[in-house]
Protein backbone atom coordinates (compact mmCIF):
# COMPACT_ATOMS: atom_id res chain seq x y z
CA MET A 1 103.11 121.31 58.23
CA THR A 2 104.95 118.45 59.93
CA ASP A 3 108.17 117.46 58.20
CA ARG A 4 108.25 113.74 58.97
CA ASN A 5 111.24 113.26 56.70
CA SER A 6 113.45 115.18 59.13
CA GLU A 7 112.90 112.51 61.77
CA PRO A 8 114.73 111.25 63.76
CA LEU A 9 117.48 113.79 63.04
CA ASP A 10 115.23 116.65 64.14
CA LEU A 11 115.99 115.73 67.75
CA HIS A 12 119.65 116.59 67.13
CA ASP A 13 118.84 120.27 66.69
CA ASP A 14 121.39 122.13 68.81
CA ALA A 15 118.94 124.69 70.16
CA LEU A 16 116.49 121.98 71.19
CA ARG A 17 119.27 120.02 72.90
CA ALA A 18 120.50 123.11 74.72
CA ARG A 19 117.05 123.87 76.11
CA ALA A 20 116.46 120.22 77.08
CA VAL A 21 119.81 119.93 78.84
CA ALA A 22 119.14 123.11 80.80
CA ALA A 23 115.72 121.81 81.83
CA ALA A 24 117.17 118.44 82.79
CA ARG A 25 119.71 120.20 85.05
CA GLY A 26 116.95 122.23 86.65
CA ASP A 27 118.21 125.52 85.27
CA ALA A 28 115.20 126.08 83.00
CA PRO A 29 111.53 125.11 83.13
CA PHE A 30 109.96 122.32 81.15
CA ASP A 31 107.47 123.07 78.40
CA VAL A 32 105.25 120.24 79.70
CA LEU A 33 105.39 118.36 82.98
CA ILE A 34 103.39 115.15 83.50
CA VAL A 35 102.94 114.38 87.19
CA GLY A 36 101.49 111.65 89.36
CA GLY A 37 101.44 108.83 86.84
CA LYS A 38 102.82 105.29 86.85
CA ILE A 39 105.23 104.55 84.00
CA VAL A 40 105.07 101.13 82.39
CA ASP A 41 108.79 100.61 81.87
CA MET A 42 109.49 98.86 78.57
CA VAL A 43 113.04 97.91 79.61
CA THR A 44 112.76 96.73 83.20
CA ASP A 45 109.14 95.49 83.16
CA GLU A 46 108.46 97.69 86.20
CA ILE A 47 105.42 99.81 86.84
CA ARG A 48 106.82 102.74 88.76
CA LEU A 49 105.87 106.22 89.91
CA ALA A 50 107.71 108.98 88.06
CA ASP A 51 107.16 112.44 86.62
CA ILE A 52 108.09 113.34 83.05
CA GLY A 53 109.47 116.67 81.85
CA ILE A 54 109.21 117.56 78.15
CA VAL A 55 111.00 120.24 76.14
CA GLY A 56 109.80 120.68 72.57
CA LYS A 57 109.59 117.25 70.94
CA MET A 58 111.93 115.65 73.46
CA ILE A 59 111.63 114.02 76.85
CA ALA A 60 114.13 115.99 78.95
CA SER A 61 113.72 114.20 82.27
CA VAL A 62 112.10 111.21 83.95
CA HIS A 63 112.47 111.83 87.65
CA GLU A 64 111.17 111.13 91.14
CA PRO A 65 107.60 112.28 91.75
CA ALA A 66 106.94 115.78 93.11
CA THR A 67 110.58 116.90 92.81
CA ARG A 68 109.93 119.45 90.04
CA SER A 69 107.09 121.89 89.46
CA ASP A 70 108.66 124.40 87.08
CA THR A 71 106.78 124.11 83.83
CA ARG A 72 104.70 126.09 81.38
CA THR A 73 102.03 123.35 81.12
CA LEU A 74 101.14 120.85 83.83
CA ILE A 75 99.36 117.56 83.04
CA SER A 76 98.08 115.42 85.88
CA ALA A 77 98.25 111.67 85.33
CA ARG A 78 97.37 110.81 88.91
CA GLY A 79 96.07 107.27 89.24
CA ARG A 80 96.80 106.52 85.59
CA PHE A 81 99.41 104.55 83.64
CA ILE A 82 101.86 105.98 81.12
CA SER A 83 103.37 104.23 78.11
CA PRO A 84 105.08 105.24 74.90
CA GLY A 85 102.79 105.85 71.93
CA LEU A 86 101.64 102.65 70.26
CA ILE A 87 103.29 101.61 66.97
CA ASP A 88 101.38 99.55 64.38
CA THR A 89 104.07 97.77 62.33
CA HIS A 90 101.92 96.70 59.38
CA MET A 91 98.56 98.02 58.21
CA HIS A 92 96.49 99.19 55.27
CA VAL A 93 94.55 102.43 55.73
CA GLU A 94 92.35 101.37 52.82
CA SER A 95 90.91 98.47 54.83
CA SER A 96 89.21 101.02 57.06
CA MET A 97 87.44 102.21 53.89
CA THR A 98 88.12 105.80 54.97
CA THR A 99 90.71 108.42 54.07
CA PRO A 100 94.03 108.70 55.93
CA ALA A 101 92.79 111.84 57.71
CA THR A 102 89.68 110.06 58.98
CA TYR A 103 91.76 107.03 59.97
CA ALA A 104 94.15 109.22 61.96
CA ALA A 105 91.29 111.01 63.68
CA THR A 106 89.98 107.60 64.79
CA VAL A 107 93.16 105.91 66.08
CA VAL A 108 95.21 108.76 67.56
CA PRO A 109 92.77 109.42 70.43
CA ARG A 110 93.11 105.72 71.25
CA GLY A 111 96.87 105.96 71.76
CA VAL A 112 98.29 105.03 68.35
CA THR A 113 100.97 107.53 67.37
CA THR A 114 102.85 105.66 64.61
CA THR A 115 101.75 103.33 61.82
CA VAL A 116 103.58 101.59 59.00
CA TRP A 117 101.31 101.83 55.96
CA ASP A 118 101.49 99.63 52.89
CA PRO A 119 99.28 101.48 50.36
CA HIS A 120 99.34 98.62 47.88
CA GLU A 121 95.55 98.86 47.51
CA PHE A 122 95.90 102.36 46.06
CA GLY A 123 98.95 101.20 44.12
CA ASN A 124 97.06 98.31 42.53
CA VAL A 125 94.35 100.67 41.33
CA LEU A 126 96.23 103.87 40.40
CA GLY A 127 99.87 102.83 40.22
CA LEU A 128 102.59 105.32 41.19
CA ASP A 129 100.04 108.12 41.28
CA GLY A 130 98.15 106.25 43.98
CA VAL A 131 101.29 105.84 46.08
CA ARG A 132 102.20 109.51 45.62
CA TRP A 133 98.73 110.52 46.77
CA ALA A 134 99.18 108.31 49.85
CA THR A 135 102.47 109.98 50.80
CA ASP A 136 100.99 113.43 50.30
CA ALA A 137 97.88 112.57 52.33
CA VAL A 138 99.80 111.74 55.52
CA ARG A 139 102.24 114.65 55.67
CA ASP A 140 100.20 116.88 57.95
CA LEU A 141 98.46 114.38 60.22
CA PRO A 142 98.75 114.03 64.00
CA LEU A 143 99.58 110.38 63.27
CA ARG A 144 103.14 109.48 62.21
CA VAL A 145 102.68 107.37 59.07
CA LEU A 146 105.73 105.58 57.69
CA THR A 147 104.66 104.76 54.15
CA LEU A 148 106.16 101.77 52.33
CA ALA A 149 106.52 101.05 48.61
CA PRO A 150 104.10 98.34 47.44
CA SER A 151 106.18 95.38 46.29
CA CYS A 152 103.63 93.19 44.54
CA VAL A 153 101.52 95.09 42.05
CA PRO A 154 99.97 92.83 40.93
CA ALA A 155 100.49 90.19 43.64
CA ALA A 156 100.58 87.35 41.10
CA PRO A 157 101.81 88.59 37.68
CA GLY A 158 100.54 86.46 34.83
CA TYR A 159 97.62 85.18 36.88
CA GLU A 160 95.77 88.49 37.33
CA VAL A 161 95.78 92.04 35.97
CA SER A 162 95.51 95.03 38.26
CA GLY A 163 95.53 98.73 37.47
CA ALA A 164 99.34 98.93 37.45
CA ASP A 165 102.51 96.88 37.20
CA PHE A 166 105.44 97.66 39.50
CA ASP A 167 108.77 96.17 38.44
CA GLY A 168 112.24 96.70 39.89
CA ASP A 169 112.58 100.12 38.22
CA ALA A 170 109.30 101.30 39.78
CA MET A 171 110.49 100.06 43.17
CA THR A 172 113.80 101.88 42.78
CA GLU A 173 111.96 105.08 41.94
CA MET A 174 109.62 104.84 44.95
CA LEU A 175 112.48 104.06 47.31
CA SER A 176 114.23 107.23 46.14
CA TRP A 177 111.39 109.29 47.57
CA PRO A 178 112.30 110.53 51.08
CA ASP A 179 108.82 109.77 52.41
CA ILE A 180 109.01 106.08 51.43
CA HIS A 181 110.49 104.06 54.29
CA GLY A 182 110.97 100.62 52.78
CA VAL A 183 109.57 97.75 50.75
CA ALA A 184 106.08 96.69 51.77
CA GLU A 185 105.09 93.07 52.34
CA VAL A 186 106.63 90.90 49.63
CA MET A 187 103.75 88.56 48.77
CA ASN A 188 105.02 86.81 45.67
CA MET A 189 106.68 84.15 47.80
CA ARG A 190 107.28 81.70 44.98
CA GLY A 191 108.89 84.39 42.87
CA VAL A 192 111.30 85.27 45.67
CA ILE A 193 112.21 81.65 46.45
CA ASP A 194 112.70 80.71 42.78
CA ARG A 195 114.74 83.88 42.14
CA ASP A 196 112.35 85.16 39.51
CA PRO A 197 114.18 88.13 37.93
CA ARG A 198 111.29 90.53 38.53
CA MET A 199 111.01 89.73 42.24
CA SER A 200 114.77 89.57 42.69
CA SER A 201 115.11 93.09 41.29
CA ILE A 202 112.34 94.39 43.58
CA VAL A 203 113.90 92.90 46.72
CA GLN A 204 117.38 94.00 45.65
CA ALA A 205 116.16 97.57 45.24
CA GLY A 206 115.06 97.45 48.86
CA LEU A 207 118.36 96.02 50.06
CA THR A 208 120.32 98.61 48.10
CA SER A 209 118.23 101.42 49.61
CA GLN A 210 119.09 100.17 53.12
CA LYS A 211 115.46 100.62 54.05
CA LEU A 212 113.04 98.03 55.47
CA VAL A 213 112.15 94.94 53.42
CA CYS A 214 108.96 93.42 54.82
CA GLY A 215 107.47 90.01 54.17
CA HIS A 216 104.38 87.88 53.73
CA ALA A 217 105.41 84.28 54.39
CA ARG A 218 102.15 82.38 54.76
CA GLY A 219 102.68 78.64 54.85
CA LEU A 220 106.44 78.80 54.27
CA GLU A 221 108.56 76.34 56.22
CA ASN A 222 111.89 74.53 56.16
CA SER A 223 113.92 75.18 53.01
CA ASP A 224 111.35 77.51 51.47
CA LEU A 225 111.30 79.67 54.59
CA ALA A 226 115.09 79.77 54.70
CA ALA A 227 115.29 80.75 51.02
CA PHE A 228 112.71 83.51 51.53
CA ILE A 229 114.70 84.98 54.43
CA VAL A 230 118.09 84.63 52.74
CA ALA A 231 116.68 86.55 49.77
CA GLY A 232 116.50 89.57 52.08
CA ILE A 233 113.06 89.49 53.75
CA GLY A 234 113.01 90.59 57.39
CA SER A 235 109.47 90.19 58.76
CA ASP A 236 106.20 88.27 58.56
CA HIS A 237 102.62 88.74 59.74
CA GLU A 238 101.08 85.69 58.03
CA LEU A 239 101.24 83.26 60.94
CA VAL A 240 99.02 80.18 60.69
CA SER A 241 99.71 78.20 63.89
CA ASN A 242 101.64 78.10 67.16
CA ASP A 243 104.29 75.93 65.54
CA ASP A 244 104.57 78.45 62.70
CA LEU A 245 105.13 81.24 65.24
CA MET A 246 107.97 79.35 66.90
CA ALA A 247 109.56 78.33 63.60
CA LYS A 248 109.64 81.93 62.40
CA LEU A 249 110.96 83.21 65.71
CA ARG A 250 113.75 80.64 65.54
CA ALA A 251 114.43 81.68 61.95
CA GLY A 252 115.07 85.24 63.08
CA LEU A 253 112.13 86.98 61.42
CA THR A 254 110.52 89.96 63.07
CA ILE A 255 106.98 88.87 63.89
CA GLU A 256 104.20 91.35 63.20
CA MET A 257 101.54 89.56 65.24
CA ARG A 258 98.29 90.72 63.75
CA GLY A 259 94.94 91.32 65.34
CA SER A 260 92.91 90.58 62.21
CA HIS A 261 93.13 86.80 62.84
CA ASP A 262 91.75 86.75 66.35
CA HIS A 263 91.19 82.98 66.47
CA LEU A 264 94.98 82.46 66.47
CA LEU A 265 95.86 84.95 69.23
CA PRO A 266 94.99 82.79 72.30
CA GLY A 267 97.34 80.08 71.04
CA PHE A 268 100.12 82.58 70.36
CA VAL A 269 99.78 83.96 73.90
CA GLN A 270 99.97 80.45 75.32
CA THR A 271 103.07 79.68 73.26
CA LEU A 272 104.84 82.86 74.36
CA ASN A 273 103.87 82.33 77.98
CA GLU A 274 105.32 78.83 77.84
CA LEU A 275 108.48 80.29 76.36
CA GLY A 276 108.70 82.39 79.51
CA PHE A 277 109.68 85.73 78.01
CA LEU A 278 108.74 88.03 75.16
CA PRO A 279 111.31 87.91 72.33
CA GLN A 280 112.45 91.34 71.21
CA THR A 281 111.43 90.38 67.66
CA VAL A 282 107.70 90.22 68.48
CA THR A 283 105.79 93.31 67.37
CA LEU A 284 102.07 93.92 66.84
CA CYS A 285 100.04 95.03 63.85
CA THR A 286 96.44 95.37 62.79
CA ASP A 287 96.91 94.56 59.08
CA ASP A 288 93.25 95.02 58.12
CA VAL A 289 90.53 96.57 60.32
CA PHE A 290 87.07 97.10 58.88
CA PRO A 291 85.34 100.44 59.54
CA ASP A 292 82.75 99.20 62.05
CA ASP A 293 85.41 97.35 64.05
CA LEU A 294 87.71 100.37 63.96
CA ALA A 295 84.98 102.77 65.08
CA ASN A 296 83.64 100.51 67.82
CA ALA A 297 86.64 98.52 69.10
CA GLY A 298 89.68 100.44 67.93
CA GLY A 299 92.92 99.65 66.14
CA LEU A 300 96.18 98.57 67.75
CA ASP A 301 94.80 99.45 71.18
CA ASP A 302 92.20 96.74 70.62
CA VAL A 303 94.91 94.21 69.77
CA VAL A 304 96.71 95.04 73.03
CA ARG A 305 93.48 94.63 75.01
CA ARG A 306 92.71 91.27 73.45
CA LEU A 307 96.20 89.90 74.06
CA VAL A 308 95.95 90.81 77.75
CA ARG A 309 92.47 89.30 77.89
CA TYR A 310 93.90 86.07 76.44
CA GLY A 311 96.51 85.93 79.19
CA MET A 312 99.49 87.99 78.06
CA LYS A 313 101.17 90.17 80.67
CA ALA A 314 100.23 93.80 80.08
CA GLN A 315 103.86 94.91 80.03
CA TRP A 316 104.62 92.37 77.30
CA ALA A 317 101.74 93.49 75.11
CA LEU A 318 102.80 97.12 75.46
CA ARG A 319 106.46 96.33 74.84
CA ALA A 320 105.57 94.52 71.61
CA ALA A 321 103.56 97.58 70.56
CA THR A 322 106.26 100.10 71.48
CA LEU A 323 109.93 99.32 72.13
CA ASN A 324 110.06 96.14 70.05
CA ALA A 325 108.33 97.92 67.18
CA ALA A 326 110.67 100.91 67.38
CA THR A 327 113.66 98.59 67.33
CA ARG A 328 112.37 96.87 64.20
CA LEU A 329 111.90 100.24 62.51
CA GLY A 330 115.38 101.42 63.48
CA ARG A 331 113.80 104.33 65.34
CA ASN A 332 115.78 104.74 68.56
CA ASP A 333 113.84 107.93 69.24
CA LEU A 334 110.57 106.01 69.69
CA GLY A 335 109.19 103.29 71.92
CA LEU A 336 110.59 104.31 75.31
CA ILE A 337 109.86 106.87 78.00
CA ALA A 338 113.34 108.06 78.86
CA ALA A 339 115.40 111.24 78.68
CA GLY A 340 116.46 112.05 75.14
CA ARG A 341 113.64 110.10 73.49
CA ARG A 342 110.82 111.57 71.44
CA ALA A 343 107.83 112.69 73.47
CA ASP A 344 105.23 110.29 72.05
CA ILE A 345 103.32 109.40 75.20
CA VAL A 346 99.96 107.86 76.10
CA ILE A 347 98.27 108.19 79.47
CA PHE A 348 95.91 105.25 79.98
CA ASP A 349 93.13 104.99 82.54
CA ASP A 350 94.06 101.41 83.43
CA LEU A 351 96.00 98.33 82.30
CA ASP A 352 92.92 96.24 81.54
CA GLY A 353 90.86 98.46 79.30
CA PHE A 354 93.78 100.52 77.90
CA VAL A 355 91.48 103.49 77.48
CA ALA A 356 93.62 106.43 76.42
CA HIS A 357 92.98 109.56 78.48
CA THR A 358 95.67 111.83 77.01
CA VAL A 359 97.81 111.38 73.90
CA ILE A 360 100.98 113.40 73.30
CA ALA A 361 102.81 113.30 69.97
CA ASN A 362 106.06 115.15 69.38
CA GLY A 363 105.61 116.87 72.71
CA LYS A 364 102.16 118.30 71.94
CA MET A 365 98.85 117.12 73.36
CA VAL A 366 96.98 115.87 70.29
CA ALA A 367 94.05 114.11 71.95
CA LYS A 368 92.23 114.09 75.27
CA SER A 369 89.30 112.02 76.53
CA GLY A 370 88.87 110.32 73.18
CA GLU A 371 88.83 113.49 71.08
CA LEU A 372 91.46 115.08 68.84
CA GLN A 373 92.46 118.59 69.86
CA THR A 374 92.56 119.68 66.21
CA GLN A 375 90.91 117.90 63.32
CA PRO A 376 93.34 116.98 60.51
CA THR A 377 92.95 118.47 57.06
CA ALA A 378 92.11 115.88 54.42
CA LEU A 379 93.90 115.92 51.06
CA ASP A 380 91.68 116.47 48.02
CA PRO A 381 90.51 112.95 47.01
CA ALA A 382 89.60 113.90 43.43
CA PRO A 383 92.60 112.00 41.94
CA LEU A 384 91.17 108.76 43.37
CA THR A 385 87.82 108.95 41.57
CA ASP A 386 86.57 107.43 38.29
CA THR A 387 88.32 104.05 38.58
CA MET A 388 85.44 101.77 37.49
CA LYS A 389 86.38 101.17 33.86
CA ILE A 390 83.73 98.51 33.28
CA ASP A 391 80.38 98.40 31.48
CA THR A 392 77.05 97.26 32.86
CA LEU A 393 76.90 93.45 33.12
CA THR A 394 74.12 91.01 32.20
CA VAL A 395 72.77 87.93 33.94
CA ASP A 396 74.50 85.68 31.39
CA ASP A 397 77.85 87.24 32.32
CA PHE A 398 77.57 85.30 35.58
CA ARG A 399 77.05 81.89 34.00
CA ILE A 400 79.65 79.34 32.88
CA ALA A 401 79.36 78.63 29.17
CA ALA A 402 79.70 75.00 28.04
CA THR A 403 78.78 72.62 25.25
CA GLY A 404 77.23 69.15 25.42
CA ASP A 405 74.91 67.80 28.10
CA LYS A 406 77.35 67.16 30.96
CA VAL A 407 80.69 68.59 31.97
CA ARG A 408 83.51 68.11 34.45
CA ILE A 409 84.22 71.36 36.29
CA ALA A 410 87.33 72.36 38.25
CA THR A 411 86.39 73.90 41.58
CA ILE A 412 88.11 75.88 44.30
CA ASP A 413 87.63 74.00 47.54
CA ARG A 414 87.57 75.73 50.97
CA PRO A 415 87.64 79.46 51.82
CA ARG A 416 91.21 79.36 53.18
CA PHE A 417 94.14 77.05 52.38
CA THR A 418 92.39 76.38 49.09
CA ARG A 419 92.76 73.20 47.07
CA TRP A 420 91.59 71.92 43.70
CA GLY A 421 88.35 69.99 43.42
CA GLU A 422 86.14 68.62 40.67
CA VAL A 423 82.40 68.19 40.18
CA GLU A 424 80.14 66.93 37.41
CA ALA A 425 77.41 69.26 36.24
CA ASP A 426 74.55 69.33 33.76
CA VAL A 427 74.42 71.81 30.90
CA LYS A 428 71.24 73.57 29.82
CA ASP A 429 70.88 76.08 26.99
CA GLY A 430 74.66 76.38 26.72
CA PHE A 431 75.33 77.11 30.39
CA VAL A 432 76.46 74.99 33.34
CA ILE A 433 73.89 74.35 36.07
CA PRO A 434 75.85 74.75 39.33
CA PRO A 435 75.52 71.52 41.36
CA ASP A 436 74.18 71.59 44.90
CA GLY A 437 76.91 72.45 47.38
CA THR A 438 78.69 74.90 45.08
CA THR A 439 78.79 78.70 45.06
CA LEU A 440 79.38 80.90 42.04
CA ILE A 441 82.31 83.32 42.06
CA ALA A 442 82.96 85.82 39.29
CA VAL A 443 85.87 88.23 38.90
CA ALA A 444 85.74 91.00 36.30
CA HIS A 445 88.68 93.21 35.39
CA ARG A 446 87.67 96.80 36.17
CA HIS A 447 90.83 98.85 35.54
CA GLY A 448 90.49 99.16 31.77
CA LYS A 449 93.71 97.29 30.95
CA VAL A 450 92.15 94.12 29.48
CA ASP A 451 88.73 92.72 28.64
CA GLY A 452 86.26 93.17 31.52
CA THR A 453 84.09 90.11 30.88
CA PRO A 454 83.71 88.24 34.19
CA ARG A 455 85.58 84.97 34.63
CA VAL A 456 83.20 82.67 36.49
CA GLY A 457 84.11 79.70 38.66
CA LEU A 458 82.67 77.42 41.32
CA LEU A 459 83.54 77.33 45.01
CA GLU A 460 82.99 74.35 47.29
CA ASN A 461 82.42 74.42 51.05
CA TRP A 462 81.26 78.04 50.96
CA GLY A 463 77.80 77.22 52.28
CA THR A 464 74.41 77.68 50.66
CA TRP A 465 73.92 81.16 49.26
CA ARG A 466 70.47 82.76 49.10
CA GLY A 467 71.60 85.84 47.22
CA ALA A 468 74.81 87.60 46.15
CA VAL A 469 77.56 89.95 47.36
CA CYS A 470 79.68 92.17 45.12
CA THR A 471 82.85 93.95 46.21
CA THR A 472 85.64 95.96 44.62
CA VAL A 473 87.61 95.54 47.86
CA SER A 474 89.15 92.27 46.69
CA HIS A 475 92.79 91.62 47.56
CA ASP A 476 95.00 92.53 45.98
CA SER A 477 94.17 93.55 42.44
CA HIS A 478 90.79 94.83 43.61
CA ASN A 479 88.90 93.74 40.56
CA LEU A 480 85.12 93.49 40.76
CA THR A 481 84.35 90.23 42.59
CA VAL A 482 80.91 88.67 43.02
CA PHE A 483 79.83 85.68 45.14
CA GLY A 484 76.38 84.22 44.80
CA GLY A 485 73.84 81.47 44.60
CA ASN A 486 72.28 82.66 41.34
CA PRO A 487 73.28 84.85 38.36
CA LYS A 488 70.33 87.24 38.66
CA ASP A 489 71.22 88.50 42.13
CA MET A 490 74.89 88.59 41.14
CA ALA A 491 74.11 90.93 38.24
CA ILE A 492 71.98 93.19 40.46
CA ALA A 493 74.72 93.52 43.09
CA ALA A 494 77.48 94.01 40.49
CA ASN A 495 75.67 96.72 38.56
CA ALA A 496 74.84 98.60 41.76
CA VAL A 497 78.55 98.69 42.64
CA ILE A 498 79.54 99.75 39.11
CA LYS A 499 77.01 102.60 39.22
CA ALA A 500 78.30 103.70 42.65
CA GLY A 501 81.87 103.99 41.36
CA GLY A 502 82.97 101.02 43.45
CA GLY A 503 82.15 99.58 46.84
CA MET A 504 80.04 96.72 48.15
CA ALA A 505 76.46 95.59 47.57
CA VAL A 506 74.21 92.72 48.64
CA ALA A 507 71.21 91.45 46.65
CA SER A 508 68.63 88.71 47.18
CA ASN A 509 65.29 87.71 45.74
CA GLY A 510 65.83 89.97 42.76
CA ARG A 511 66.35 93.19 44.76
CA LEU A 512 69.18 95.25 46.20
CA ASP A 513 69.40 94.82 49.99
CA ALA A 514 72.35 97.05 50.95
CA ILE A 515 75.08 99.15 49.36
CA LEU A 516 78.26 100.85 50.56
CA PRO A 517 79.59 103.30 47.95
CA LEU A 518 83.39 103.52 47.91
CA PRO A 519 84.03 105.98 45.08
CA LEU A 520 87.73 106.56 45.86
CA CYS A 521 89.63 103.83 44.00
CA GLY A 522 86.62 101.57 44.65
CA LEU A 523 88.15 101.13 48.12
CA VAL A 524 87.53 104.19 50.25
CA SER A 525 84.88 106.79 51.07
CA ASP A 526 85.46 110.38 52.09
CA ALA A 527 82.34 110.27 54.27
CA PRO A 528 82.75 110.51 58.08
CA MET A 529 83.85 107.40 59.97
CA ASP A 530 80.50 106.86 61.69
CA GLN A 531 78.64 106.94 58.39
CA VAL A 532 81.01 104.50 56.67
CA ALA A 533 80.90 102.21 59.72
CA GLU A 534 77.10 102.22 59.73
CA GLN A 535 76.86 101.45 56.02
CA PHE A 536 79.42 98.67 56.35
CA SER A 537 77.50 97.16 59.27
CA HIS A 538 74.42 97.09 57.02
CA ILE A 539 76.46 95.16 54.43
CA ARG A 540 77.50 92.68 57.14
CA ALA A 541 73.91 92.20 58.30
CA ALA A 542 72.59 91.79 54.77
CA THR A 543 75.30 89.23 54.00
CA ASP A 544 74.56 87.32 57.21
CA ALA A 545 70.98 86.98 55.96
CA ILE A 546 71.98 85.23 52.74
CA VAL A 547 74.76 82.89 53.85
CA ASP A 548 75.44 80.94 57.05
CA TRP A 549 79.02 81.41 58.25
CA ASN A 550 81.13 78.62 59.73
CA PRO A 551 84.16 80.04 61.62
CA PRO A 552 87.08 80.24 61.68
CA TYR A 553 87.51 80.08 57.90
CA LEU A 554 84.08 80.49 56.36
CA VAL A 555 83.58 84.00 57.69
CA PHE A 556 82.60 87.38 56.28
CA LYS A 557 86.26 88.41 56.03
CA ALA A 558 86.89 85.53 53.61
CA LEU A 559 85.08 87.49 50.89
CA PHE A 560 87.95 89.97 50.63
CA GLY A 561 90.82 87.47 50.37
CA ALA A 562 89.29 84.85 48.09
CA THR A 563 91.13 86.30 45.08
CA LEU A 564 94.55 86.62 46.76
CA ALA A 565 96.30 84.69 44.03
CA CYS A 566 99.82 84.95 45.47
CA ASN A 567 98.87 82.49 48.22
CA ALA A 568 99.28 78.76 47.66
CA GLY A 569 96.39 76.90 46.04
CA PRO A 570 93.83 77.86 43.38
CA HIS A 571 92.19 81.30 43.40
CA GLN A 572 89.71 82.94 41.06
CA THR A 573 91.03 86.01 39.27
CA ASP A 574 90.05 88.19 36.33
CA ARG A 575 92.06 85.81 34.10
CA GLY A 576 90.58 82.53 35.38
CA ILE A 577 91.58 80.10 38.11
CA GLY A 578 95.25 80.53 38.96
CA ASP A 579 97.58 78.47 41.13
CA VAL A 580 101.03 80.05 41.48
CA GLU A 581 102.41 77.07 43.39
CA ILE A 582 102.03 74.67 40.47
CA GLY A 583 102.06 77.25 37.68
CA LYS A 584 98.53 76.58 36.46
CA LEU A 585 95.95 78.97 34.99
CA LEU A 586 92.53 77.82 33.72
CA GLU A 587 90.73 80.46 31.70
CA SER A 588 87.56 78.36 31.95
CA PRO A 589 86.77 75.88 34.74
CA VAL A 590 85.30 73.43 32.23
CA LEU A 591 87.67 70.47 32.04
CA SER A 592 85.69 68.24 29.65
CA SER A 593 82.21 67.86 28.19
CA GLN A 594 80.10 65.04 26.79
């Protein structure tokens, strides 16, 4: 078993140092010698020929080509490029809808050797037990996983109810665990800025622990941004524009530039190119990668490829994904190919495709030609099952009850950067008839903490729906969420997901079109990656058939963030329509009737 908690002090082992020093002098052979490759130098920006000698977990020597041949294992990198292992500074394994072992088996052969995981999805469903399971699940993987303590469970207290409630005491407890490396993205921005006692105690626990305190600063600027940073937050991945990128760089935040919002990346590359250099505070992350994208395109390696395709210098993209990331994490042993550093190394075929040929982690070859050398052992997922504490729903559960003949209804306008709207609607047989141009959204509590009757609202500018989609992957409380054009299809999709123990389903014309069972916390499957990816692609295709997307905001991905109540503007939750910015919660969207 790999003892990740001994890092980075494990490199200070006297016996290891003695062997490495002897090998560096030439008085002892290397354990591994990589020859003939071109190192992408993260410090000097050079691409230079050099050979690399490894002893145990440590790089013992980086020297002129063909000057040493004494080694137990020889690896030829001739014609290829060599970089440090890639570091993903912010991600959620749960978004891949697979277990940590399956995730690792997918990304390690692509050159990712370290990830920073916020398991707040598991935390929102199973509380501290979910976080403990996450830390246990990554201990013996070929992927280094630095697990963080979820900071916002739920993300918007008082506006939603999740499966747990983490206060300052819970944060202090998690931070006392040696395999917790910091405070995960602090999403309750208003609570931090206004010095809400709950959020202040959570952030203070992180500061006291002297571990990372990571942020989520979407839309913050000027005095609000300053207050958020002064409170103790050190990073952000929620960039919304080129100007936002520059403002946050100037403010001193570490930027976790994420690949999950691809439409913003070309502008970010242009802005950085105009700046003329890559700030040392720019790192890269995936945040959320769906299973079909992960299986087909990759994880952080895909982000690097796209940045280069959009015009970023290859050395910059790699530096952001290696040395800059290691610096942010305080891990001087990572992110650089140099004597005395940890032997996390990727040999790429080229600097355009970034196809990993050989991956070395802690001095051992863990993957070659896209395949792991040894498959990781998955932790028993039984503790993650049986989380759908909700009864079968009826068609009427997806209608808005009202009296009178006509009503004024509060709506949620736009898929992203939401705002309040209003419409007039007719009432028939005690229920609102949704006006043309609106979409039904229903959120039902499914954790067994409060009543599970769906709260139903209306969305505007979500297109015309010819069916329904249900998902228990619904950030961040992960209650059962249903979108649809009619209550009948919504009930069919919802009940299929409930029966499956969680997941996603699409229904239209009174029948079930596709289903993806996610029986582990209603978020993850223990099926193989290719099977989960295929089922998820069927969900995408079935959804595309019932709604016409309008990028960049009205997109499939919008389904999973529509309930993210910590963000500014109104959002539907299991308690109603909540707006944390103005402190408003409507249990029913009906404003008045006549």
